[in-house]
Amino acid sequence: MELTVLSNEYFMYEALKEAQKAFDEEEIPIGAIVVCNNRIIARAHNLTERLTDVTAHAEMQVITAAANYLGGKYLDECTLYVTLEPCVMCAGAIGWSQLGKLVFGARDTKRGYNLLNEKKVLHPKTDIVSGILQDECAILMRTFFLKKR
């Protein structure tokens, strides 16, 4: 039996489904999934409003869920797909989890971890891919903030 490897776009669409849930719940529309061995093991979206918790970002929620699923704190064989470039807080958690690969959609030019001008916040072995479905990810964010104004 041959294993079909699913594309970054396929998994980013799954993260976008989570972002849409956040949008529908009037949360900032960021969605995330964790994939291990070509299988989604965790899904999450922002819950900062519902939980009244500034740390309840999609990435924090999905890292916790994936670690619980795997029964360990390291995600070195996993890929995190997130619709927006992680903030410094989330990048720190990604680093501590020793994530194998980070794939994100749109850049966050106001609060993204790349504003630090160094990648040291992530684990040195973490592969990074950016710009996957960036237009779709960015449009959802823009639509959300236009609706709020």
C-alpha atoms as a PDB file:
ATOM      1  CA  MET A   1       0.000   0.000   0.000  1.00  0.00           C
ATOM      2  CA  GLU A   2       1.449   3.333  -1.076  1.00  0.00           C
ATOM      3  CA  LEU A   3       1.229   6.321   1.250  1.00  0.00           C
ATOM      4  CA  THR A   4      -0.047   9.516  -0.361  1.00  0.00           C
ATOM      5  CA  VAL A   5       1.783  12.528   0.995  1.00  0.00           C
ATOM      6  CA  LEU A   6      -0.601  15.445   1.273  1.00  0.00           C
ATOM      7  CA  SER A   7       0.522  18.935   0.224  1.00  0.00           C
ATOM      8  CA  ASN A   8       1.245  22.002   2.324  1.00  0.00           C
ATOM      9  CA  GLU A   9      -1.750  23.616   0.625  1.00  0.00           C
ATOM     10  CA  TYR A  10      -4.052  20.788   1.701  1.00  0.00           C
ATOM     11  CA  PHE A  11      -3.019  21.138   5.330  1.00  0.00           C
ATOM     12  CA  MET A  12      -3.135  24.948   5.228  1.00  0.00           C
ATOM     13  CA  TYR A  13      -6.739  24.721   4.019  1.00  0.00           C
ATOM     14  CA  GLU A  14      -7.401  22.644   7.140  1.00  0.00           C
ATOM     15  CA  ALA A  15      -5.823  25.388   9.267  1.00  0.00           C
ATOM     16  CA  LEU A  16      -7.987  27.923   7.421  1.00  0.00           C
ATOM     17  CA  LYS A  17     -11.083  25.953   8.469  1.00  0.00           C
ATOM     18  CA  GLU A  18      -9.988  26.517  12.072  1.00  0.00           C
ATOM     19  CA  ALA A  19      -9.418  30.214  11.361  1.00  0.00           C
ATOM     20  CA  GLN A  20     -12.948  30.433   9.973  1.00  0.00           C
ATOM     21  CA  LYS A  21     -14.274  28.941  13.241  1.00  0.00           C
ATOM     22  CA  ALA A  22     -12.455  31.692  15.125  1.00  0.00           C
ATOM     23  CA  PHE A  23     -13.897  34.302  12.746  1.00  0.00           C
ATOM     24  CA  ASP A  24     -17.406  32.949  13.297  1.00  0.00           C
ATOM     25  CA  GLU A  25     -16.878  33.133  17.080  1.00  0.00           C
ATOM     26  CA  GLU A  26     -15.624  36.746  16.799  1.00  0.00           C
ATOM     27  CA  GLU A  27     -12.095  35.710  17.710  1.00  0.00           C
ATOM     28  CA  ILE A  28      -9.124  36.951  15.689  1.00  0.00           C
ATOM     29  CA  PRO A  29      -9.211  34.425  12.815  1.00  0.00           C
ATOM     30  CA  ILE A  30      -6.079  32.392  13.247  1.00  0.00           C
ATOM     31  CA  GLY A  31      -6.189  28.636  12.884  1.00  0.00           C
ATOM     32  CA  ALA A  32      -3.601  25.941  13.436  1.00  0.00           C
ATOM     33  CA  ILE A  33      -3.158  22.215  13.033  1.00  0.00           C
ATOM     34  CA  VAL A  34      -0.370  19.792  13.895  1.00  0.00           C
ATOM     35  CA  VAL A  35       0.458  16.987  11.492  1.00  0.00           C
ATOM     36  CA  CYS A  36       2.457  13.889  12.360  1.00  0.00           C
ATOM     37  CA  ASN A  37       3.135  11.115   9.841  1.00  0.00           C
ATOM     38  CA  ASN A  38       0.870  12.797   7.273  1.00  0.00           C
ATOM     39  CA  ARG A  39      -2.061  12.776   9.737  1.00  0.00           C
ATOM     40  CA  ILE A  40      -3.704  15.682  11.580  1.00  0.00           C
ATOM     41  CA  ILE A  41      -3.320  14.998  15.304  1.00  0.00           C
ATOM     42  CA  ALA A  42      -4.496  18.352  16.696  1.00  0.00           C
ATOM     43  CA  ARG A  43      -6.608  21.335  15.624  1.00  0.00           C
ATOM     44  CA  ALA A  44      -7.150  24.701  17.272  1.00  0.00           C
ATOM     45  CA  HIS A  45      -8.042  28.325  16.748  1.00  0.00           C
ATOM     46  CA  ASN A  46      -7.747  31.479  18.799  1.00  0.00           C
ATOM     47  CA  LEU A  47      -9.710  31.390  22.056  1.00  0.00           C
ATOM     48  CA  THR A  48      -8.466  34.576  23.714  1.00  0.00           C
ATOM     49  CA  GLU A  49     -11.916  36.182  23.943  1.00  0.00           C
ATOM     50  CA  ARG A  50     -13.830  33.096  25.051  1.00  0.00           C
ATOM     51  CA  LEU A  51     -11.248  32.157  27.680  1.00  0.00           C
ATOM     52  CA  THR A  52     -10.350  35.775  28.558  1.00  0.00           C
ATOM     53  CA  ASP A  53      -6.742  34.632  28.284  1.00  0.00           C
ATOM     54  CA  VAL A  54      -4.188  36.551  26.246  1.00  0.00           C
ATOM     55  CA  THR A  55      -2.097  33.379  25.888  1.00  0.00           C
ATOM     56  CA  ALA A  56      -4.910  31.343  24.288  1.00  0.00           C
ATOM     57  CA  HIS A  57      -3.504  31.755  20.777  1.00  0.00           C
ATOM     58  CA  ALA A  58      -4.183  29.042  18.196  1.00  0.00           C
ATOM     59  CA  GLU A  59      -0.549  27.907  18.293  1.00  0.00           C
ATOM     60  CA  MET A  60      -0.507  27.555  22.087  1.00  0.00           C
ATOM     61  CA  GLN A  61      -3.749  25.578  22.018  1.00  0.00           C
ATOM     62  CA  VAL A  62      -2.620  23.239  19.246  1.00  0.00           C
ATOM     63  CA  ILE A  63       0.826  22.608  20.766  1.00  0.00           C
ATOM     64  CA  THR A  64      -0.839  21.556  24.029  1.00  0.00           C
ATOM     65  CA  ALA A  65      -3.331  19.330  22.213  1.00  0.00           C
ATOM     66  CA  ALA A  66      -0.611  17.670  20.107  1.00  0.00           C
ATOM     67  CA  ALA A  67       1.634  17.056  23.118  1.00  0.00           C
ATOM     68  CA  ASN A  68      -1.298  15.518  24.981  1.00  0.00           C
ATOM     69  CA  TYR A  69      -2.126  13.319  21.988  1.00  0.00           C
ATOM     70  CA  LEU A  70       1.483  12.111  21.679  1.00  0.00           C
ATOM     71  CA  GLY A  71       2.020  11.791  25.422  1.00  0.00           C
ATOM     72  CA  GLY A  72       5.195  13.897  25.369  1.00  0.00           C
ATOM     73  CA  LYS A  73       6.261  17.517  25.207  1.00  0.00           C
ATOM     74  CA  TYR A  74       8.459  17.370  22.104  1.00  0.00           C
ATOM     75  CA  LEU A  75       7.006  17.710  18.622  1.00  0.00           C
ATOM     76  CA  ASP A  76      10.227  17.124  16.705  1.00  0.00           C
ATOM     77  CA  GLU A  77       8.536  14.778  14.228  1.00  0.00           C
ATOM     78  CA  CYS A  78       5.570  17.074  13.662  1.00  0.00           C
ATOM     79  CA  THR A  79       4.635  19.981  11.423  1.00  0.00           C
ATOM     80  CA  LEU A  80       2.622  22.957  12.646  1.00  0.00           C
ATOM     81  CA  TYR A  81       0.472  24.721  10.048  1.00  0.00           C
ATOM     82  CA  VAL A  82      -0.768  28.147  11.111  1.00  0.00           C
ATOM     83  CA  THR A  83      -2.534  30.797   9.057  1.00  0.00           C
ATOM     84  CA  LEU A  84      -0.497  33.731  10.389  1.00  0.00           C
ATOM     85  CA  GLU A  85       3.164  34.077  11.267  1.00  0.00           C
ATOM     86  CA  PRO A  86       3.490  33.277  14.987  1.00  0.00           C
ATOM     87  CA  CYS A  87       4.069  36.043  17.498  1.00  0.00           C
ATOM     88  CA  VAL A  88       7.151  36.001  19.723  1.00  0.00           C
ATOM     89  CA  MET A  89       5.261  34.219  22.548  1.00  0.00           C
ATOM     90  CA  CYS A  90       4.079  31.438  20.233  1.00  0.00           C
ATOM     91  CA  ALA A  91       7.469  31.194  18.531  1.00  0.00           C
ATOM     92  CA  GLY A  92       9.005  30.644  21.961  1.00  0.00           C
ATOM     93  CA  ALA A  93       6.569  27.800  22.642  1.00  0.00           C
ATOM     94  CA  ILE A  94       7.301  26.369  19.197  1.00  0.00           C
ATOM     95  CA  GLY A  95      10.996  26.488  20.049  1.00  0.00           C
ATOM     96  CA  TRP A  96      10.535  24.796  23.416  1.00  0.00           C
ATOM     97  CA  SER A  97       8.460  22.032  21.792  1.00  0.00           C
ATOM     98  CA  GLN A  98      11.343  21.404  19.360  1.00  0.00           C
ATOM     99  CA  LEU A  99       8.883  21.423  16.473  1.00  0.00           C
ATOM    100  CA  GLY A 100      10.200  19.688  13.355  1.00  0.00           C
ATOM    101  CA  LYS A 101       8.636  22.062  10.840  1.00  0.00           C
ATOM    102  CA  LEU A 102       6.669  25.312  10.891  1.00  0.00           C
ATOM    103  CA  VAL A 103       4.489  26.258   7.923  1.00  0.00           C
ATOM    104  CA  PHE A 104       2.616  29.557   7.984  1.00  0.00           C
ATOM    105  CA  GLY A 105       0.460  31.515   5.595  1.00  0.00           C
ATOM    106  CA  ALA A 106       0.503  35.298   5.910  1.00  0.00           C
ATOM    107  CA  ARG A 107       3.252  37.378   7.463  1.00  0.00           C
ATOM    108  CA  ASP A 108       2.447  39.394  10.574  1.00  0.00           C
ATOM    109  CA  THR A 109       4.261  42.670   9.988  1.00  0.00           C
ATOM    110  CA  LYS A 110       3.145  44.119  13.343  1.00  0.00           C
ATOM    111  CA  ARG A 111       3.748  41.299  15.838  1.00  0.00           C
ATOM    112  CA  GLY A 112       5.355  38.380  14.003  1.00  0.00           C
ATOM    113  CA  TYR A 113       8.451  36.728  15.433  1.00  0.00           C
ATOM    114  CA  ASN A 114      10.480  37.761  12.357  1.00  0.00           C
ATOM    115  CA  LEU A 115      10.461  41.311  13.722  1.00  0.00           C
ATOM    116  CA  LEU A 116      13.242  40.123  16.023  1.00  0.00           C
ATOM    117  CA  ASN A 117      15.482  39.862  12.939  1.00  0.00           C
ATOM    118  CA  GLU A 118      16.779  36.532  14.152  1.00  0.00           C
ATOM    119  CA  LYS A 119      15.514  32.983  14.090  1.00  0.00           C
ATOM    120  CA  LYS A 120      17.032  32.022  17.455  1.00  0.00           C
ATOM    121  CA  VAL A 121      13.618  32.007  19.121  1.00  0.00           C
ATOM    122  CA  LEU A 122      12.787  28.796  17.216  1.00  0.00           C
ATOM    123  CA  HIS A 123      14.625  25.503  17.681  1.00  0.00           C
ATOM    124  CA  PRO A 124      17.679  25.425  15.383  1.00  0.00           C
ATOM    125  CA  LYS A 125      16.472  22.241  13.666  1.00  0.00           C
ATOM    126  CA  THR A 126      12.980  23.584  12.880  1.00  0.00           C
ATOM    127  CA  ASP A 127      12.385  23.897   9.141  1.00  0.00           C
ATOM    128  CA  ILE A 128      10.360  26.964   8.155  1.00  0.00           C
ATOM    129  CA  VAL A 129       8.087  27.421   5.147  1.00  0.00           C
ATOM    130  CA  SER A 130       6.151  30.654   4.701  1.00  0.00           C
ATOM    131  CA  GLY A 131       3.645  32.063   2.257  1.00  0.00           C
ATOM    132  CA  ILE A 132       1.448  28.972   1.828  1.00  0.00           C
ATOM    133  CA  LEU A 133      -2.004  30.289   0.808  1.00  0.00           C
ATOM    134  CA  GLN A 134      -0.887  33.672   2.109  1.00  0.00           C
ATOM    135  CA  ASP A 135      -3.551  35.588   0.167  1.00  0.00           C
ATOM    136  CA  GLU A 136      -6.406  33.477   1.559  1.00  0.00           C
ATOM    137  CA  CYS A 137      -5.005  33.791   5.077  1.00  0.00           C
ATOM    138  CA  ALA A 138      -4.494  37.554   4.791  1.00  0.00           C
ATOM    139  CA  ILE A 139      -7.964  38.174   3.303  1.00  0.00           C
ATOM    140  CA  LEU A 140      -9.644  36.467   6.257  1.00  0.00           C
ATOM    141  CA  MET A 141      -7.694  38.672   8.692  1.00  0.00           C
ATOM    142  CA  ARG A 142      -8.442  41.873   6.732  1.00  0.00           C
ATOM    143  CA  THR A 143     -12.126  41.001   6.491  1.00  0.00           C
ATOM    144  CA  PHE A 144     -12.283  40.404  10.238  1.00  0.00           C
ATOM    145  CA  PHE A 145     -10.723  43.759  11.122  1.00  0.00           C
ATOM    146  CA  LEU A 146     -12.794  45.661   8.546  1.00  0.00           C
ATOM    147  CA  LYS A 147     -15.910  44.150  10.105  1.00  0.00           C
ATOM    148  CA  LYS A 148     -14.748  45.301  13.565  1.00  0.00           C
ATOM    149  CA  ARG A 149     -14.287  48.936  12.493  1.00  0.00           C
END
